[in-house]
Amino acid sequence: MTDMTRIDIPERPDSAAATILDTLPTTGELALDDRASLRRVAGLSTELEDVTEVENRQLRLERVVLVGVWTTGTVAAAQASMAELAALAETAGSQVLEALIQRRAKPDPATYLGSGKALELREVVLATGADTVICDGELTPSQLNALEKVVKVKVVDRTWLILDIFAQHATSREGKAQVSLAQMDYMLPRLRGWGESMSRQAGGRAGSNGGVGLRGPGETKIETDRRRIRERMAKLRKEIRGMKTARTVKRAARRRGGVPALTVVGYTNAGKSSLVNAMTGSGVLVQDALFATLDPTTRRAELADGHEVVFTDTVGFVRHLPTQLVEAFRSTLEEAVEADLLIHVVDGADAFPDLQISTVRSVLRDVLDEDRLPAPPELLVINKVDAIDDVRMTMLRAEFPDAVFVSARTGEGLTELFAAVTEFVQRDDVEVDLQIPFSRGEVISRLHQHAHIVSTDHNEEGTRVHVRMPSSLAGEYAELVV
């Protein structure tokens, strides 16, 4: 069966930033305003009629047609994948005109859809006036080239679409370097020539140095571009290694202070940033869009029992996340795999939360296996319960009995989440009595910062305190234990 079917993509609600303070705008709100200040304007495209004339130009998504190949799974899963592709396209700034899906055993090795369906796609492009086709998968260089020749408009695959979104949203120096590295890694095997300056004019005795007029500059030019890209990639990798060192130093300093590191991970747009804001009262950027957060953000918070912890908001994951991005963002992902606790946020309103969970765990497992690190403990948090009906909630509670159910928007369930985090933080605590001499005043200061002092008694020898603190910190003051 190879029928191509149009599917309806549900409209997405308008983006909204969560307001934390009613007085001054937060850092996240300012970032959201800045992100929204530059928008694509539909109808003012300057795309060339012949897409083969220019290569590697800036990606401009305006009016697009989505197309996917359904190979396995249910109809609902296939439509959910296309709906996610539509959300990605809208996040990149495009207007989705049509969505098509074809049932095949596997994608066509030549044109992804097959020659007949590719011609049908061309008719849809003409009828809708689209200037771009987005494929729900990663296409080989030959598939991209062949499909472009058939539909005669720009063809973009899922990988390049995600890379474009990352390029738009990256703000830090490290984030921009990581995205640039991933884009170059993707484009390197996809370089191709056009026009006379890139033509291969050699013929006849070209392989034997045929002489003037028979040595075409095409291959030389491509090789020059590839060499420059490789040199730039090497420079970016060196810069990212340097940034990784700085991140490692900061992480080590937090660990020396005995502050538990709680890293928030999850699928893109699952509500991770909203949850960090709700738990810390900070103003991290919140947007109803995919990959709104790229740069890790760390915020401190104090639990009810006096424990100080740090929450780190990380980049979200998505199905078929490009391998180039996983490699480029490895230093960022280390924030997750080296955490004391992973707070795994899941969108409870999504039709397939189990797929979200498996996607996130798969990416983290790849990083853990390569770095040979043990998996940190995980706390599963089902978010957006305010958008779930009672029947759906019952099903989710049965499927994920150990999860905490919350709504970052309304605050429902946050008390239970704080209780679960507090229980985890206290699991390694010990209660001891310390006799601290007057000459060791810095110990008292540190205990106030990183421990919970139950009682204090001053005597002739100094200060005696009954304190509850992490066992690692207690080990540093073993000589003071009485």
Protein backbone atom coordinates (compact mmCIF):
# COMPACT_ATOMS: atom_id res chain seq x y z
CA MET A 1 0.00 0.00 0.00
CA THR A 2 1.54 3.30 -1.10
CA ASP A 3 -1.33 5.75 -0.86
CA MET A 4 -0.56 9.33 0.04
CA THR A 5 -2.99 10.88 2.49
CA ARG A 6 -3.57 14.44 3.59
CA ILE A 7 -3.76 14.85 7.35
CA ASP A 8 -5.04 17.73 9.43
CA ILE A 9 -2.55 19.43 11.71
CA PRO A 10 -4.18 20.95 14.80
CA GLU A 11 -3.60 24.64 15.36
CA ARG A 12 -1.24 25.53 18.15
CA PRO A 13 -2.21 28.12 20.76
CA ASP A 14 -0.44 31.42 20.89
CA SER A 15 2.85 31.53 22.76
CA ALA A 16 2.65 32.76 26.32
CA ALA A 17 5.30 33.54 28.89
CA ALA A 18 4.68 32.60 32.50
CA THR A 19 4.70 35.72 34.67
CA ILE A 20 6.63 35.23 37.90
CA LEU A 21 6.75 38.79 39.20
CA ASP A 22 4.10 41.44 38.62
CA THR A 23 6.47 44.37 38.97
CA LEU A 24 9.53 44.33 36.72
CA PRO A 25 9.95 42.01 33.71
CA THR A 26 12.13 38.97 34.38
CA THR A 27 15.18 37.97 32.38
CA GLY A 28 13.14 35.32 30.60
CA GLU A 29 10.41 37.79 29.65
CA LEU A 30 12.98 40.20 28.23
CA ALA A 31 14.53 37.34 26.25
CA LEU A 32 11.10 36.35 24.96
CA ASP A 33 10.37 39.92 23.82
CA ASP A 34 13.74 40.07 22.09
CA ARG A 35 13.09 36.75 20.36
CA ALA A 36 9.69 37.95 19.13
CA SER A 37 11.01 41.30 17.91
CA LEU A 38 12.27 39.82 14.64
CA ARG A 39 9.67 37.94 12.61
CA ARG A 40 9.49 36.54 9.12
CA VAL A 41 7.03 38.40 6.86
CA ALA A 42 5.01 36.13 4.58
CA GLY A 43 4.68 37.02 0.93
CA LEU A 44 8.00 38.82 0.56
CA SER A 45 10.08 35.87 -0.56
CA THR A 46 13.07 36.46 -2.85
CA GLU A 47 13.63 32.76 -3.58
CA LEU A 48 15.14 32.02 -6.97
CA GLU A 49 13.04 30.12 -9.47
CA ASP A 50 15.85 27.66 -10.13
CA VAL A 51 16.89 26.26 -6.77
CA THR A 52 20.03 24.73 -8.29
CA GLU A 53 21.55 28.17 -8.89
CA VAL A 54 22.44 28.80 -5.27
CA GLU A 55 23.54 26.40 -2.56
CA ASN A 56 23.99 26.80 1.19
CA ARG A 57 21.99 30.04 1.28
CA GLN A 58 20.28 31.05 4.49
CA LEU A 59 17.30 28.86 5.23
CA ARG A 60 14.08 30.89 4.84
CA LEU A 61 10.92 29.02 5.66
CA GLU A 62 7.76 30.85 4.65
CA ARG A 63 5.06 28.69 3.02
CA VAL A 64 5.76 25.00 3.42
CA VAL A 65 4.31 21.60 2.61
CA LEU A 66 5.07 18.75 5.01
CA VAL A 67 5.58 15.22 3.79
CA GLY A 68 6.34 12.01 5.67
CA VAL A 69 6.75 8.30 5.06
CA TRP A 70 4.82 6.02 7.42
CA THR A 71 6.74 2.76 7.70
CA THR A 72 5.81 1.26 11.08
CA GLY A 73 3.46 1.88 13.98
CA THR A 74 -0.13 3.01 14.14
CA VAL A 75 -1.92 5.73 12.22
CA ALA A 76 -2.13 7.81 15.39
CA ALA A 77 1.64 7.60 15.91
CA ALA A 78 2.28 8.62 12.30
CA GLN A 79 -0.05 11.59 12.59
CA ALA A 80 1.52 12.60 15.91
CA SER A 81 4.93 12.61 14.24
CA MET A 82 3.60 14.88 11.48
CA ALA A 83 1.95 17.16 14.06
CA GLU A 84 5.32 17.46 15.78
CA LEU A 85 6.94 18.30 12.44
CA ALA A 86 4.33 21.03 11.95
CA ALA A 87 5.16 22.44 15.38
CA LEU A 88 8.85 22.43 14.47
CA ALA A 89 8.11 24.24 11.20
CA GLU A 90 6.01 26.88 12.98
CA THR A 91 8.73 27.35 15.59
CA ALA A 92 11.19 28.00 12.76
CA GLY A 93 8.87 30.72 11.46
CA SER A 94 7.02 29.05 8.60
CA GLN A 95 3.38 28.76 7.58
CA VAL A 96 2.23 25.16 7.09
CA LEU A 97 -0.04 24.89 4.06
CA GLU A 98 -0.44 21.14 3.64
CA ALA A 99 0.66 17.90 5.29
CA LEU A 100 0.96 14.64 3.34
CA ILE A 101 1.87 11.17 4.52
CA GLN A 102 2.60 8.09 2.44
CA ARG A 103 2.38 4.45 3.54
CA ARG A 104 5.49 2.56 2.43
CA ALA A 105 7.59 -0.33 3.67
CA LYS A 106 10.62 1.99 3.62
CA PRO A 107 11.57 5.37 2.11
CA ASP A 108 12.51 5.31 -1.55
CA PRO A 109 16.33 5.36 -1.83
CA ALA A 110 16.18 7.78 -4.78
CA THR A 111 13.53 10.40 -4.02
CA TYR A 112 12.32 9.46 -0.50
CA LEU A 113 8.67 9.26 -1.68
CA GLY A 114 9.01 7.34 -4.88
CA SER A 115 8.92 8.86 -8.36
CA GLY A 116 5.14 8.80 -8.80
CA LYS A 117 4.34 10.30 -5.42
CA ALA A 118 7.07 12.90 -5.89
CA LEU A 119 5.23 14.10 -9.02
CA GLU A 120 2.00 14.26 -7.02
CA LEU A 121 3.86 16.31 -4.42
CA ARG A 122 4.91 18.70 -7.20
CA GLU A 123 1.24 19.23 -8.08
CA VAL A 124 0.44 20.00 -4.42
CA VAL A 125 3.31 22.50 -4.30
CA LEU A 126 1.98 24.25 -7.39
CA ALA A 127 -1.58 24.29 -6.09
CA THR A 128 -0.68 25.74 -2.70
CA GLY A 129 2.06 28.12 -3.84
CA ALA A 130 4.55 26.67 -1.37
CA ASP A 131 8.23 27.56 -1.62
CA THR A 132 9.61 24.79 0.62
CA VAL A 133 9.01 21.09 1.21
CA ILE A 134 9.90 19.67 4.62
CA CYS A 135 10.44 15.92 4.93
CA ASP A 136 9.86 14.08 8.20
CA GLY A 137 13.20 12.29 8.25
CA GLU A 138 16.87 12.75 7.47
CA LEU A 139 17.45 12.60 3.73
CA THR A 140 20.71 11.61 2.09
CA PRO A 141 22.42 14.19 -0.14
CA SER A 142 21.30 12.31 -3.24
CA GLN A 143 17.67 12.16 -2.03
CA LEU A 144 17.65 15.89 -1.36
CA ASN A 145 19.06 16.64 -4.79
CA ALA A 146 16.73 14.27 -6.64
CA LEU A 147 13.57 15.43 -4.84
CA GLU A 148 14.45 19.09 -5.42
CA LYS A 149 14.73 18.41 -9.16
CA VAL A 150 11.23 16.92 -9.16
CA VAL A 151 9.33 19.42 -6.97
CA LYS A 152 11.44 22.40 -8.13
CA VAL A 153 11.43 24.13 -4.75
CA LYS A 154 13.75 23.98 -1.78
CA VAL A 155 13.64 20.66 0.08
CA VAL A 156 14.53 20.59 3.79
CA ASP A 157 14.68 17.52 5.98
CA ARG A 158 13.85 17.20 9.67
CA THR A 159 17.50 17.40 10.73
CA TRP A 160 18.20 20.70 8.98
CA LEU A 161 14.92 22.12 10.31
CA ILE A 162 15.93 21.36 13.90
CA LEU A 163 19.38 22.82 13.28
CA ASP A 164 17.76 26.01 11.98
CA ILE A 165 15.64 26.31 15.13
CA PHE A 166 18.71 25.84 17.30
CA ALA A 167 20.54 28.53 15.31
CA GLN A 168 17.66 30.97 15.91
CA HIS A 169 17.40 30.30 19.65
CA ALA A 170 21.06 30.02 20.67
CA THR A 171 22.13 33.07 22.68
CA SER A 172 25.29 32.17 24.60
CA ARG A 173 28.71 31.93 23.04
CA GLU A 174 28.86 28.22 23.81
CA GLY A 175 25.41 27.58 22.37
CA LYS A 176 26.20 29.40 19.14
CA ALA A 177 29.48 27.51 18.77
CA GLN A 178 27.74 24.16 19.36
CA VAL A 179 25.05 24.91 16.78
CA SER A 180 27.60 26.11 14.21
CA LEU A 181 29.60 22.93 14.67
CA ALA A 182 26.48 20.78 14.19
CA GLN A 183 25.45 22.71 11.06
CA MET A 184 28.88 22.35 9.48
CA ASP A 185 28.99 18.65 10.31
CA TYR A 186 25.62 18.25 8.57
CA MET A 187 26.48 20.34 5.51
CA LEU A 188 29.97 18.92 4.86
CA PRO A 189 28.82 15.86 2.86
CA ARG A 190 26.08 17.90 1.18
CA LEU A 191 28.20 20.45 -0.65
CA ARG A 192 27.69 20.53 -4.38
CA GLY A 193 28.62 22.81 -7.24
CA TRP A 194 26.67 24.82 -9.77
CA GLY A 195 27.32 27.09 -12.74
CA GLU A 196 30.43 27.42 -14.86
CA SER A 197 32.73 28.26 -11.96
CA MET A 198 32.02 24.83 -10.46
CA SER A 199 31.72 22.81 -13.68
CA ARG A 200 33.89 19.83 -14.51
CA GLN A 201 35.08 20.74 -17.96
CA ALA A 202 37.72 18.08 -18.27
CA GLY A 203 37.13 15.37 -20.83
CA GLY A 204 39.09 12.93 -22.94
CA ARG A 205 42.63 13.05 -21.54
CA ALA A 206 41.63 14.98 -18.39
CA GLY A 207 42.90 12.27 -16.10
CA SER A 208 46.27 12.46 -17.84
CA ASN A 209 46.68 16.23 -17.49
CA GLY A 210 45.10 17.13 -20.83
CA GLY A 211 46.36 20.71 -20.82
CA VAL A 212 44.85 24.18 -21.01
CA GLY A 213 41.05 24.18 -21.13
CA LEU A 214 40.78 20.57 -20.06
CA ARG A 215 41.36 20.97 -16.34
CA GLY A 216 38.01 21.90 -14.75
CA PRO A 217 38.01 23.91 -11.51
CA GLY A 218 34.88 22.20 -10.07
CA GLU A 219 36.35 19.56 -7.84
CA THR A 220 39.12 21.85 -6.66
CA LYS A 221 36.61 24.48 -5.55
CA ILE A 222 34.53 21.93 -3.62
CA GLU A 223 37.61 20.52 -1.96
CA THR A 224 38.67 24.03 -0.97
CA ASP A 225 35.28 24.64 0.66
CA ARG A 226 35.46 21.32 2.48
CA ARG A 227 38.93 22.07 3.76
CA ARG A 228 37.81 25.45 5.09
CA ILE A 229 34.81 23.87 6.79
CA ARG A 230 36.99 21.21 8.41
CA GLU A 231 39.39 23.89 9.65
CA ARG A 232 36.51 25.90 11.09
CA MET A 233 35.08 22.77 12.74
CA ALA A 234 38.43 22.01 14.35
CA LYS A 235 38.57 25.55 15.71
CA LEU A 236 35.03 25.30 17.10
CA ARG A 237 35.77 21.96 18.77
CA LYS A 238 38.77 23.56 20.48
CA GLU A 239 36.65 26.49 21.68
CA ILE A 240 33.93 24.17 22.99
CA ARG A 241 36.53 22.12 24.89
CA GLY A 242 37.69 25.33 26.55
CA MET A 243 34.11 26.23 27.50
CA LYS A 244 33.61 22.71 28.82
CA THR A 245 36.55 23.25 31.19
CA ALA A 246 34.93 26.37 32.62
CA ARG A 247 31.63 24.53 33.07
CA THR A 248 33.43 21.64 34.80
CA VAL A 249 35.16 24.04 37.20
CA LYS A 250 31.85 25.65 38.18
CA ARG A 251 30.24 22.24 38.67
CA ALA A 252 33.15 21.09 40.84
CA ALA A 253 32.87 24.23 42.97
CA ARG A 254 29.21 23.50 43.64
CA ARG A 255 30.05 19.93 44.59
CA ARG A 256 32.75 21.09 47.02
CA GLY A 257 30.12 23.23 48.67
CA GLY A 258 27.97 20.17 49.19
CA VAL A 259 25.05 21.63 47.23
CA PRO A 260 22.97 18.88 45.55
CA ALA A 261 22.66 19.34 41.79
CA LEU A 262 19.16 18.68 40.47
CA THR A 263 19.00 18.68 36.67
CA VAL A 264 15.66 19.07 34.91
CA VAL A 265 15.50 17.01 31.70
CA GLY A 266 12.70 16.02 29.38
CA TYR A 267 11.12 16.24 25.97
CA THR A 268 11.00 19.62 24.27
CA ASN A 269 8.06 21.80 25.34
CA ALA A 270 7.26 19.49 28.28
CA GLY A 271 7.31 22.46 30.67
CA LYS A 272 10.82 22.17 32.12
CA SER A 273 11.49 25.92 32.28
CA SER A 274 8.05 26.60 33.75
CA LEU A 275 8.73 24.02 36.45
CA VAL A 276 12.12 25.57 37.28
CA ASN A 277 10.44 28.96 37.58
CA ALA A 278 7.70 27.55 39.80
CA MET A 279 10.19 25.84 42.13
CA THR A 280 12.76 28.63 42.34
CA GLY A 281 10.76 31.80 41.71
CA SER A 282 13.17 32.77 38.93
CA GLY A 283 12.43 34.21 35.52
CA VAL A 284 13.82 31.64 33.12
CA LEU A 285 12.57 32.08 29.55
CA VAL A 286 9.25 30.27 29.04
CA GLN A 287 7.68 29.92 25.61
CA ASP A 288 5.10 27.59 24.08
CA ALA A 289 7.51 26.51 21.36
CA LEU A 290 9.87 23.66 20.68
CA PHE A 291 13.48 24.13 21.80
CA ALA A 292 12.79 27.46 23.51
CA THR A 293 15.65 26.64 25.92
CA LEU A 294 19.09 25.81 24.54
CA ASP A 295 21.50 27.27 27.06
CA PRO A 296 21.55 25.57 30.48
CA THR A 297 20.32 27.84 33.26
CA THR A 298 21.15 27.14 36.91
CA ARG A 299 19.10 28.59 39.77
CA ARG A 300 19.48 28.12 43.53
CA ALA A 301 16.59 27.31 45.83
CA GLU A 302 16.13 26.53 49.52
CA LEU A 303 13.97 23.65 50.67
CA ALA A 304 11.66 23.85 53.66
CA ASP A 305 14.16 22.02 55.89
CA GLY A 306 16.91 24.53 55.10
CA HIS A 307 18.75 22.50 52.47
CA GLU A 308 20.12 24.53 49.57
CA VAL A 309 19.91 22.95 46.12
CA VAL A 310 20.52 24.06 42.54
CA PHE A 311 18.12 23.40 39.67
CA THR A 312 19.56 23.30 36.16
CA ASP A 313 17.25 23.74 33.19
CA THR A 314 18.57 21.94 30.09
CA VAL A 315 17.86 21.65 26.39
CA GLY A 316 14.88 19.48 25.49
CA PHE A 317 14.98 16.32 23.42
CA VAL A 318 12.92 15.22 20.44
CA ARG A 319 12.42 12.06 18.43
CA HIS A 320 15.15 11.57 15.83
CA LEU A 321 17.35 14.23 17.44
CA PRO A 322 20.21 14.81 14.97
CA THR A 323 23.38 13.01 15.95
CA GLN A 324 25.31 16.16 15.07
CA LEU A 325 23.50 18.01 17.85
CA VAL A 326 24.07 15.26 20.39
CA GLU A 327 27.80 15.40 19.69
CA ALA A 328 27.97 19.21 19.65
CA PHE A 329 25.94 19.58 22.86
CA ARG A 330 27.83 16.87 24.71
CA SER A 331 29.38 19.33 27.18
CA THR A 332 25.88 20.66 27.91
CA LEU A 333 24.42 17.18 28.34
CA GLU A 334 27.07 16.43 30.94
CA GLU A 335 25.09 18.70 33.26
CA ALA A 336 22.43 16.01 33.16
CA VAL A 337 24.48 12.82 33.34
CA GLU A 338 26.61 14.13 36.23
CA ALA A 339 23.68 15.40 38.30
CA ASP A 340 22.83 14.11 41.77
CA LEU A 341 19.19 13.74 40.69
CA LEU A 342 17.44 13.88 37.32
CA ILE A 343 14.00 15.47 37.43
CA HIS A 344 12.51 13.95 34.27
CA VAL A 345 9.60 16.14 33.16
CA VAL A 346 6.97 14.56 30.90
CA ASP A 347 4.09 16.28 29.10
CA GLY A 348 1.08 14.44 30.53
CA ALA A 349 -1.20 15.97 27.90
CA ASP A 350 0.77 14.38 25.08
CA ALA A 351 -0.82 11.41 23.33
CA PHE A 352 2.31 9.26 23.67
CA PRO A 353 4.15 10.12 26.93
CA ASP A 354 5.92 6.76 26.92
CA LEU A 355 7.61 7.70 23.64
CA GLN A 356 8.78 10.96 25.18
CA ILE A 357 10.29 9.07 28.11
CA SER A 358 12.05 6.50 25.94
CA THR A 359 13.46 9.24 23.68
CA VAL A 360 14.99 11.17 26.58
CA ARG A 361 16.40 8.06 28.23
CA SER A 362 17.88 6.86 24.93
CA VAL A 363 19.83 10.10 24.37
CA LEU A 364 21.10 10.18 27.94
CA ARG A 365 22.07 6.51 27.73
CA ASP A 366 24.21 7.23 24.68
CA VAL A 367 26.09 9.95 26.55
CA LEU A 368 26.47 7.78 29.65
CA ASP A 369 27.78 4.81 27.69
CA GLU A 370 30.34 6.88 25.80
CA ASP A 371 31.60 8.61 28.95
CA ARG A 372 31.31 5.39 30.99
CA LEU A 373 29.37 7.11 33.74
CA PRO A 374 26.79 5.54 36.06
CA ALA A 375 23.20 6.62 35.54
CA PRO A 376 22.05 9.16 38.18
CA PRO A 377 18.79 8.50 40.06
CA GLU A 378 15.66 9.73 38.30
CA LEU A 379 12.47 11.32 39.58
CA LEU A 380 9.66 11.14 37.02
CA VAL A 381 7.40 14.20 36.98
CA ILE A 382 4.19 14.24 34.91
CA ASN A 383 3.49 17.90 34.10
CA LYS A 384 0.44 19.77 32.72
CA VAL A 385 -2.09 17.83 34.80
CA ASP A 386 -4.40 20.85 34.55
CA ALA A 387 -4.92 19.89 30.89
CA ILE A 388 -5.75 16.22 31.61
CA ASP A 389 -9.23 14.83 32.27
CA ASP A 390 -10.00 12.39 35.09
CA VAL A 391 -10.01 9.29 32.88
CA ARG A 392 -6.65 10.14 31.38
CA MET A 393 -5.25 10.91 34.83
CA THR A 394 -6.33 7.51 36.12
CA MET A 395 -4.59 5.81 33.20
CA LEU A 396 -1.38 7.79 33.75
CA ARG A 397 -1.30 7.04 37.48
CA ALA A 398 -1.66 3.35 36.72
CA GLU A 399 1.06 3.47 34.06
CA PHE A 400 3.51 5.56 36.13
CA PRO A 401 2.82 4.72 39.79
CA ASP A 402 6.10 6.20 41.07
CA ALA A 403 5.72 9.55 39.28
CA VAL A 404 4.82 12.91 40.82
CA PHE A 405 1.93 14.69 39.08
CA VAL A 406 2.16 18.48 38.91
CA SER A 407 1.06 21.56 37.02
CA ALA A 408 3.77 24.17 36.72
CA ARG A 409 1.14 26.66 35.53
CA THR A 410 -1.30 26.34 38.44
CA GLY A 411 1.07 25.08 41.14
CA GLU A 412 -0.85 21.85 41.69
CA GLY A 413 1.34 19.06 43.03
CA LEU A 414 4.38 21.26 43.74
CA THR A 415 4.15 20.48 47.46
CA GLU A 416 4.44 16.76 46.70
CA LEU A 417 7.33 17.44 44.34
CA PHE A 418 9.21 19.46 46.95
CA ALA A 419 8.57 16.65 49.46
CA ALA A 420 10.04 14.08 47.04
CA VAL A 421 13.09 16.26 46.40
CA THR A 422 13.57 16.85 50.13
CA GLU A 423 13.36 13.13 50.83
CA PHE A 424 16.03 12.49 48.21
CA VAL A 425 18.32 15.22 49.54
CA GLN A 426 17.98 13.94 53.09
CA ARG A 427 18.67 10.30 52.20
CA ASP A 428 22.41 10.72 52.75
CA ASP A 429 22.17 13.06 55.74
CA VAL A 430 23.60 12.29 59.14
CA GLU A 431 23.02 13.99 62.50
CA VAL A 432 26.14 14.66 64.56
CA ASP A 433 27.36 16.83 67.43
CA LEU A 434 30.36 19.04 66.66
CA GLN A 435 32.58 20.88 69.14
CA ILE A 436 33.90 23.86 67.16
CA PRO A 437 36.75 25.94 68.64
CA PHE A 438 36.50 29.72 68.58
CA SER A 439 39.38 29.74 66.07
CA ARG A 440 37.30 27.79 63.52
CA GLY A 441 34.62 30.34 62.87
CA GLU A 442 34.57 29.48 59.15
CA VAL A 443 33.08 26.09 60.05
CA ILE A 444 30.03 27.76 61.61
CA SER A 445 29.61 29.91 58.50
CA ARG A 446 29.78 26.93 56.19
CA LEU A 447 27.35 24.90 58.27
CA HIS A 448 24.82 27.72 58.04
CA GLN A 449 25.16 27.62 54.26
CA HIS A 450 25.19 23.88 53.55
CA ALA A 451 23.68 22.15 56.61
CA HIS A 452 20.74 22.37 58.98
CA ILE A 453 21.75 23.38 62.52
CA VAL A 454 19.29 21.88 64.98
CA SER A 455 20.70 23.42 68.19
CA THR A 456 23.62 25.55 69.34
CA ASP A 457 25.33 25.68 72.76
CA HIS A 458 28.24 27.98 73.66
CA ASN A 459 30.79 26.78 76.21
CA GLU A 460 34.33 27.59 77.36
CA GLU A 461 35.95 25.58 74.57
CA GLY A 462 33.91 27.05 71.76
CA THR A 463 30.53 26.22 70.21
CA ARG A 464 28.79 22.89 70.36
CA VAL A 465 26.22 22.33 67.61
CA HIS A 466 23.83 19.53 66.80
CA VAL A 467 23.64 19.53 63.03
CA ARG A 468 22.12 17.52 60.19
CA MET A 469 24.26 17.56 57.07
CA PRO A 470 25.37 15.40 54.11
CA SER A 471 27.71 12.57 55.05
CA SER A 472 30.35 13.91 52.66
CA LEU A 473 30.43 17.20 54.55
CA ALA A 474 30.46 15.40 57.90
CA GLY A 475 33.53 13.49 56.79
CA GLU A 476 35.45 16.74 56.38
CA TYR A 477 34.85 17.63 60.06
CA ALA A 478 35.36 14.16 61.54
CA GLU A 479 37.93 15.53 64.01
CA LEU A 480 35.31 17.86 65.48
CA VAL A 481 32.72 15.13 66.16
CA VAL A 482 31.98 14.53 69.87
